[in-house]
Amino acid sequence: MVPGTVIDDANDGQSGPAAEARVVDRESVQGMSERDPDALALVYDRHIRSVFGLAMRIMQDQDDAEEVVQGVFSQAWAEAARYDATRSPVAAWLLMMTRTRAIDAVRAKRAHPDLAPNAGELAVVDLPDPAVGAHTQVLTTECVTQLRIALTTLSLPQRIAVELAYFEGLTHRQIAERLEHTVDTVKTQIRGGLLTLREALRS
């Protein structure tokens, strides 16, 4: 085993399908770190839908999204030995790479003046106030910039949960399945994230 690659959390108090999925993912990444192509194929099969979905949501173009996906799994293969299971599940690890690569790709395209503005520059984002219920606001370019900056103040689990809920439109249960968390954990992450965002956007 490569030191630091996979940490056994079998005693984390959780069991059932989600825990079994985490074990499969960790073992697969361990196999990737040992250059097993079958392990990469398993990770790809298990997570391609979520990775492509997020890439498509950001890129707004299938060809561009597919290029991002290819880059994500190439990066995962190259960096498998550095994966730390104590920091995030494999699903979250892949989604963070997807988000970073897709945003970088969007910025690169915008650097060329002959390209049209990305359709995602204006977004309708539902940010509910946990105390008084949901409200919808249309974000201008300036607001989008402020929101992106505010998102960087969240913890990694909070940021992923909030983005999946309000940028990809997933339910709490779908997010829990994707990130291999409990629904209660997802709700806590989203609630905490939204409270932090509200304070950051008010400042």
C-alpha atoms as a PDB file:
ATOM      1  CA  MET A   1       0.000   0.000   0.000  1.00  0.00           C
ATOM      2  CA  VAL A   2       1.222   3.495  -0.796  1.00  0.00           C
ATOM      3  CA  PRO A   3       1.461   5.499   2.469  1.00  0.00           C
ATOM      4  CA  GLY A   4      -1.344   7.998   2.897  1.00  0.00           C
ATOM      5  CA  THR A   5      -3.359   6.676  -0.021  1.00  0.00           C
ATOM      6  CA  VAL A   6      -6.268   5.068   1.756  1.00  0.00           C
ATOM      7  CA  ILE A   7      -7.253   5.344   5.387  1.00  0.00           C
ATOM      8  CA  ASP A   8      -9.476   2.604   6.763  1.00  0.00           C
ATOM      9  CA  ASP A   9     -12.509   4.144   8.469  1.00  0.00           C
ATOM     10  CA  ALA A  10     -14.360   0.899   8.990  1.00  0.00           C
ATOM     11  CA  ASN A  11     -15.024   1.977  12.549  1.00  0.00           C
ATOM     12  CA  ASP A  12     -16.663   5.278  11.629  1.00  0.00           C
ATOM     13  CA  GLY A  13     -19.985   4.072  12.997  1.00  0.00           C
ATOM     14  CA  GLN A  14     -21.737   3.837   9.653  1.00  0.00           C
ATOM     15  CA  SER A  15     -22.866   0.726   7.845  1.00  0.00           C
ATOM     16  CA  GLY A  16     -25.060  -0.327   4.958  1.00  0.00           C
ATOM     17  CA  PRO A  17     -24.900   0.368   1.209  1.00  0.00           C
ATOM     18  CA  ALA A  18     -23.271   3.790   1.587  1.00  0.00           C
ATOM     19  CA  ALA A  19     -20.467   2.369   3.737  1.00  0.00           C
ATOM     20  CA  GLU A  20     -19.998  -0.527   1.325  1.00  0.00           C
ATOM     21  CA  ALA A  21     -19.799   1.922  -1.584  1.00  0.00           C
ATOM     22  CA  ARG A  22     -17.105   3.904   0.227  1.00  0.00           C
ATOM     23  CA  VAL A  23     -15.080   0.742   0.726  1.00  0.00           C
ATOM     24  CA  VAL A  24     -15.377  -0.147  -2.965  1.00  0.00           C
ATOM     25  CA  ASP A  25     -14.317   3.356  -3.961  1.00  0.00           C
ATOM     26  CA  ARG A  26     -11.336   3.414  -1.601  1.00  0.00           C
ATOM     27  CA  GLU A  27     -10.166   0.007  -2.767  1.00  0.00           C
ATOM     28  CA  SER A  28     -10.548   1.089  -6.388  1.00  0.00           C
ATOM     29  CA  VAL A  29      -8.469   4.233  -5.855  1.00  0.00           C
ATOM     30  CA  GLN A  30      -5.883   2.086  -4.088  1.00  0.00           C
ATOM     31  CA  GLY A  31      -5.827  -0.105  -7.202  1.00  0.00           C
ATOM     32  CA  MET A  32      -5.402   2.983  -9.361  1.00  0.00           C
ATOM     33  CA  SER A  33      -2.424   4.044  -7.271  1.00  0.00           C
ATOM     34  CA  GLU A  34      -0.924   0.636  -8.071  1.00  0.00           C
ATOM     35  CA  ARG A  35      -1.598   1.273 -11.797  1.00  0.00           C
ATOM     36  CA  ASP A  36      -4.450  -1.209 -12.191  1.00  0.00           C
ATOM     37  CA  PRO A  37      -6.520  -0.118 -15.245  1.00  0.00           C
ATOM     38  CA  ASP A  38      -9.468  -2.235 -14.094  1.00  0.00           C
ATOM     39  CA  ALA A  39      -9.659  -0.135 -10.949  1.00  0.00           C
ATOM     40  CA  LEU A  40      -9.829   3.032 -13.042  1.00  0.00           C
ATOM     41  CA  ALA A  41     -12.580   1.474 -15.156  1.00  0.00           C
ATOM     42  CA  LEU A  42     -14.586   0.701 -12.012  1.00  0.00           C
ATOM     43  CA  VAL A  43     -14.240   4.249 -10.678  1.00  0.00           C
ATOM     44  CA  TYR A  44     -15.215   5.586 -14.097  1.00  0.00           C
ATOM     45  CA  ASP A  45     -18.319   3.390 -14.295  1.00  0.00           C
ATOM     46  CA  ARG A  46     -19.425   4.338 -10.793  1.00  0.00           C
ATOM     47  CA  HIS A  47     -18.970   8.107 -11.115  1.00  0.00           C
ATOM     48  CA  ILE A  48     -19.174   9.065 -14.798  1.00  0.00           C
ATOM     49  CA  ARG A  49     -22.786  10.249 -14.549  1.00  0.00           C
ATOM     50  CA  SER A  50     -22.166  12.666 -11.711  1.00  0.00           C
ATOM     51  CA  VAL A  51     -18.882  13.939 -13.151  1.00  0.00           C
ATOM     52  CA  PHE A  52     -20.357  14.502 -16.603  1.00  0.00           C
ATOM     53  CA  GLY A  53     -23.490  16.085 -15.116  1.00  0.00           C
ATOM     54  CA  LEU A  54     -21.498  18.696 -13.228  1.00  0.00           C
ATOM     55  CA  ALA A  55     -19.175  19.332 -16.178  1.00  0.00           C
ATOM     56  CA  MET A  56     -22.174  19.810 -18.465  1.00  0.00           C
ATOM     57  CA  ARG A  57     -23.844  22.143 -15.986  1.00  0.00           C
ATOM     58  CA  ILE A  58     -20.791  24.411 -15.940  1.00  0.00           C
ATOM     59  CA  MET A  59     -19.654  24.146 -19.560  1.00  0.00           C
ATOM     60  CA  GLN A  60     -23.091  24.208 -21.239  1.00  0.00           C
ATOM     61  CA  ASP A  61     -21.596  22.292 -24.166  1.00  0.00           C
ATOM     62  CA  GLN A  62     -21.361  18.517 -24.589  1.00  0.00           C
ATOM     63  CA  ASP A  63     -18.012  18.422 -26.383  1.00  0.00           C
ATOM     64  CA  ASP A  64     -16.437  20.740 -23.820  1.00  0.00           C
ATOM     65  CA  ALA A  65     -17.959  18.741 -20.965  1.00  0.00           C
ATOM     66  CA  GLU A  66     -16.618  15.480 -22.386  1.00  0.00           C
ATOM     67  CA  GLU A  67     -13.144  17.017 -22.618  1.00  0.00           C
ATOM     68  CA  VAL A  68     -13.372  18.036 -18.953  1.00  0.00           C
ATOM     69  CA  VAL A  69     -14.479  14.513 -17.994  1.00  0.00           C
ATOM     70  CA  GLN A  70     -11.514  12.989 -19.805  1.00  0.00           C
ATOM     71  CA  GLY A  71      -9.194  15.349 -17.969  1.00  0.00           C
ATOM     72  CA  VAL A  72     -10.754  14.548 -14.597  1.00  0.00           C
ATOM     73  CA  PHE A  73     -10.256  10.809 -14.865  1.00  0.00           C
ATOM     74  CA  SER A  74      -6.748  11.288 -16.267  1.00  0.00           C
ATOM     75  CA  GLN A  75      -5.957  13.475 -13.265  1.00  0.00           C
ATOM     76  CA  ALA A  76      -7.517  10.948 -10.886  1.00  0.00           C
ATOM     77  CA  TRP A  77      -5.320   8.223 -12.387  1.00  0.00           C
ATOM     78  CA  ALA A  78      -2.215  10.359 -12.038  1.00  0.00           C
ATOM     79  CA  GLU A  79      -2.970  11.523  -8.491  1.00  0.00           C
ATOM     80  CA  ALA A  80      -4.519   8.365  -7.009  1.00  0.00           C
ATOM     81  CA  ALA A  81      -1.521   7.793  -4.735  1.00  0.00           C
ATOM     82  CA  ARG A  82      -2.156  11.181  -3.109  1.00  0.00           C
ATOM     83  CA  TYR A  83      -5.861  10.619  -2.463  1.00  0.00           C
ATOM     84  CA  ASP A  84      -6.673  10.993   1.254  1.00  0.00           C
ATOM     85  CA  ALA A  85      -9.891   9.299   2.355  1.00  0.00           C
ATOM     86  CA  THR A  86      -9.907  11.299   5.599  1.00  0.00           C
ATOM     87  CA  ARG A  87     -10.516  14.521   3.675  1.00  0.00           C
ATOM     88  CA  SER A  88     -13.377  13.536   1.379  1.00  0.00           C
ATOM     89  CA  PRO A  89     -15.118  10.558  -0.241  1.00  0.00           C
ATOM     90  CA  VAL A  90     -14.007   9.577  -3.734  1.00  0.00           C
ATOM     91  CA  ALA A  91     -17.182  11.092  -5.219  1.00  0.00           C
ATOM     92  CA  ALA A  92     -16.428  14.485  -3.679  1.00  0.00           C
ATOM     93  CA  TRP A  93     -12.778  14.248  -4.735  1.00  0.00           C
ATOM     94  CA  LEU A  94     -13.801  13.697  -8.353  1.00  0.00           C
ATOM     95  CA  LEU A  95     -16.443  16.430  -8.278  1.00  0.00           C
ATOM     96  CA  MET A  96     -13.984  18.980  -6.938  1.00  0.00           C
ATOM     97  CA  MET A  97     -11.583  18.139  -9.768  1.00  0.00           C
ATOM     98  CA  THR A  98     -14.486  18.448 -12.207  1.00  0.00           C
ATOM     99  CA  ARG A  99     -15.502  21.828 -10.866  1.00  0.00           C
ATOM    100  CA  THR A 100     -11.954  23.176 -10.950  1.00  0.00           C
ATOM    101  CA  ARG A 101     -11.243  21.910 -14.471  1.00  0.00           C
ATOM    102  CA  ALA A 102     -14.562  23.119 -15.850  1.00  0.00           C
ATOM    103  CA  ILE A 103     -14.221  26.604 -14.378  1.00  0.00           C
ATOM    104  CA  ASP A 104     -10.660  26.846 -15.682  1.00  0.00           C
ATOM    105  CA  ALA A 105     -11.903  25.795 -19.123  1.00  0.00           C
ATOM    106  CA  VAL A 106     -14.659  28.422 -19.069  1.00  0.00           C
ATOM    107  CA  ARG A 107     -12.149  31.109 -18.123  1.00  0.00           C
ATOM    108  CA  ALA A 108      -9.820  30.000 -20.895  1.00  0.00           C
ATOM    109  CA  LYS A 109     -12.606  30.264 -23.455  1.00  0.00           C
ATOM    110  CA  ARG A 110     -13.531  33.732 -22.236  1.00  0.00           C
ATOM    111  CA  ALA A 111      -9.957  34.840 -22.749  1.00  0.00           C
ATOM    112  CA  HIS A 112     -10.674  34.717 -26.493  1.00  0.00           C
ATOM    113  CA  PRO A 113     -12.758  37.753 -27.527  1.00  0.00           C
ATOM    114  CA  ASP A 114     -14.259  35.936 -30.509  1.00  0.00           C
ATOM    115  CA  LEU A 115     -16.156  33.564 -28.236  1.00  0.00           C
ATOM    116  CA  ALA A 116     -19.661  34.396 -27.071  1.00  0.00           C
ATOM    117  CA  PRO A 117     -20.337  34.828 -23.329  1.00  0.00           C
ATOM    118  CA  ASN A 118     -21.080  31.591 -21.527  1.00  0.00           C
ATOM    119  CA  ALA A 119     -24.759  30.924 -20.949  1.00  0.00           C
ATOM    120  CA  GLY A 120     -24.041  30.277 -17.293  1.00  0.00           C
ATOM    121  CA  GLU A 121     -22.958  33.887 -16.717  1.00  0.00           C
ATOM    122  CA  LEU A 122     -26.527  34.690 -15.811  1.00  0.00           C
ATOM    123  CA  ALA A 123     -27.999  32.104 -13.493  1.00  0.00           C
ATOM    124  CA  VAL A 124     -31.162  31.726 -11.486  1.00  0.00           C
ATOM    125  CA  VAL A 125     -30.110  30.362  -8.140  1.00  0.00           C
ATOM    126  CA  ASP A 126     -32.493  29.346  -5.380  1.00  0.00           C
ATOM    127  CA  LEU A 127     -30.860  30.254  -2.071  1.00  0.00           C
ATOM    128  CA  PRO A 128     -33.327  29.532   0.731  1.00  0.00           C
ATOM    129  CA  ASP A 129     -33.197  31.353   4.023  1.00  0.00           C
ATOM    130  CA  PRO A 130     -33.309  28.536   6.609  1.00  0.00           C
ATOM    131  CA  ALA A 131     -35.374  30.730   8.899  1.00  0.00           C
ATOM    132  CA  VAL A 132     -38.044  32.114   6.572  1.00  0.00           C
ATOM    133  CA  GLY A 133     -38.096  29.792   3.538  1.00  0.00           C
ATOM    134  CA  ALA A 134     -36.861  29.926  -0.031  1.00  0.00           C
ATOM    135  CA  HIS A 135     -36.608  32.892  -2.360  1.00  0.00           C
ATOM    136  CA  THR A 136     -35.254  33.146  -5.878  1.00  0.00           C
ATOM    137  CA  GLN A 137     -32.963  35.816  -7.211  1.00  0.00           C
ATOM    138  CA  VAL A 138     -31.504  36.457 -10.635  1.00  0.00           C
ATOM    139  CA  LEU A 139     -27.771  36.855 -10.402  1.00  0.00           C
ATOM    140  CA  THR A 140     -26.061  39.450 -12.551  1.00  0.00           C
ATOM    141  CA  THR A 141     -22.414  39.110 -13.530  1.00  0.00           C
ATOM    142  CA  GLU A 142     -21.391  41.112 -10.452  1.00  0.00           C
ATOM    143  CA  CYS A 143     -23.539  38.955  -8.177  1.00  0.00           C
ATOM    144  CA  VAL A 144     -22.152  35.774  -9.712  1.00  0.00           C
ATOM    145  CA  THR A 145     -18.646  37.012  -8.930  1.00  0.00           C
ATOM    146  CA  GLN A 146     -19.631  37.820  -5.355  1.00  0.00           C
ATOM    147  CA  LEU A 147     -21.250  34.417  -4.952  1.00  0.00           C
ATOM    148  CA  ARG A 148     -18.179  32.591  -6.276  1.00  0.00           C
ATOM    149  CA  ILE A 149     -15.998  34.470  -3.808  1.00  0.00           C
ATOM    150  CA  ALA A 150     -18.426  33.699  -0.982  1.00  0.00           C
ATOM    151  CA  LEU A 151     -18.409  30.002  -1.881  1.00  0.00           C
ATOM    152  CA  THR A 152     -14.669  29.891  -1.212  1.00  0.00           C
ATOM    153  CA  THR A 153     -15.389  30.683   2.443  1.00  0.00           C
ATOM    154  CA  LEU A 154     -17.268  27.406   2.907  1.00  0.00           C
ATOM    155  CA  SER A 155     -15.716  24.183   4.036  1.00  0.00           C
ATOM    156  CA  LEU A 156     -15.156  21.653   1.245  1.00  0.00           C
ATOM    157  CA  PRO A 157     -18.148  19.428   2.242  1.00  0.00           C
ATOM    158  CA  GLN A 158     -20.440  22.466   2.544  1.00  0.00           C
ATOM    159  CA  ARG A 159     -19.387  23.893  -0.813  1.00  0.00           C
ATOM    160  CA  ILE A 160     -19.920  20.629  -2.671  1.00  0.00           C
ATOM    161  CA  ALA A 161     -23.325  20.035  -1.070  1.00  0.00           C
ATOM    162  CA  VAL A 162     -24.534  23.589  -1.777  1.00  0.00           C
ATOM    163  CA  GLU A 163     -23.355  23.509  -5.396  1.00  0.00           C
ATOM    164  CA  LEU A 164     -24.985  20.146  -6.056  1.00  0.00           C
ATOM    165  CA  ALA A 165     -28.244  21.370  -4.535  1.00  0.00           C
ATOM    166  CA  TYR A 166     -28.483  24.819  -6.083  1.00  0.00           C
ATOM    167  CA  PHE A 167     -26.406  24.625  -9.254  1.00  0.00           C
ATOM    168  CA  GLU A 168     -27.187  21.077 -10.306  1.00  0.00           C
ATOM    169  CA  GLY A 169     -30.658  20.847  -8.752  1.00  0.00           C
ATOM    170  CA  LEU A 170     -30.208  17.592  -6.843  1.00  0.00           C
ATOM    171  CA  THR A 171     -32.398  16.614  -3.898  1.00  0.00           C
ATOM    172  CA  HIS A 172     -30.969  15.930  -0.451  1.00  0.00           C
ATOM    173  CA  ARG A 173     -31.317  12.198  -1.043  1.00  0.00           C
ATOM    174  CA  GLN A 174     -29.587  12.378  -4.440  1.00  0.00           C
ATOM    175  CA  ILE A 175     -26.716  14.368  -2.931  1.00  0.00           C
ATOM    176  CA  ALA A 176     -26.431  11.869  -0.083  1.00  0.00           C
ATOM    177  CA  GLU A 177     -26.215   8.994  -2.560  1.00  0.00           C
ATOM    178  CA  ARG A 178     -23.672  10.781  -4.716  1.00  0.00           C
ATOM    179  CA  LEU A 179     -21.419  11.802  -1.827  1.00  0.00           C
ATOM    180  CA  GLU A 180     -22.094   8.647   0.185  1.00  0.00           C
ATOM    181  CA  HIS A 181     -23.308  10.600   3.202  1.00  0.00           C
ATOM    182  CA  THR A 182     -26.497  10.328   5.214  1.00  0.00           C
ATOM    183  CA  VAL A 183     -29.379  12.668   4.316  1.00  0.00           C
ATOM    184  CA  ASP A 184     -29.079  14.319   7.751  1.00  0.00           C
ATOM    185  CA  THR A 185     -25.400  15.031   7.105  1.00  0.00           C
ATOM    186  CA  VAL A 186     -26.231  16.618   3.748  1.00  0.00           C
ATOM    187  CA  LYS A 187     -28.950  18.774   5.317  1.00  0.00           C
ATOM    188  CA  THR A 188     -26.524  19.949   7.984  1.00  0.00           C
ATOM    189  CA  GLN A 189     -23.858  20.781   5.400  1.00  0.00           C
ATOM    190  CA  ILE A 190     -26.293  22.740   3.219  1.00  0.00           C
ATOM    191  CA  ARG A 191     -27.839  24.619   6.140  1.00  0.00           C
ATOM    192  CA  GLY A 192     -24.441  25.570   7.530  1.00  0.00           C
ATOM    193  CA  GLY A 193     -23.204  26.529   4.088  1.00  0.00           C
ATOM    194  CA  LEU A 194     -26.177  28.765   3.368  1.00  0.00           C
ATOM    195  CA  LEU A 195     -25.850  30.554   6.699  1.00  0.00           C
ATOM    196  CA  THR A 196     -22.195  31.231   5.952  1.00  0.00           C
ATOM    197  CA  LEU A 197     -23.039  32.430   2.434  1.00  0.00           C
ATOM    198  CA  ARG A 198     -25.673  34.829   3.747  1.00  0.00           C
ATOM    199  CA  GLU A 199     -23.189  36.438   6.116  1.00  0.00           C
ATOM    200  CA  ALA A 200     -20.483  36.623   3.438  1.00  0.00           C
ATOM    201  CA  LEU A 201     -22.822  38.208   0.874  1.00  0.00           C
ATOM    202  CA  ARG A 202     -24.057  40.789   3.396  1.00  0.00           C
ATOM    203  CA  SER A 203     -20.543  41.984   4.202  1.00  0.00           C
END
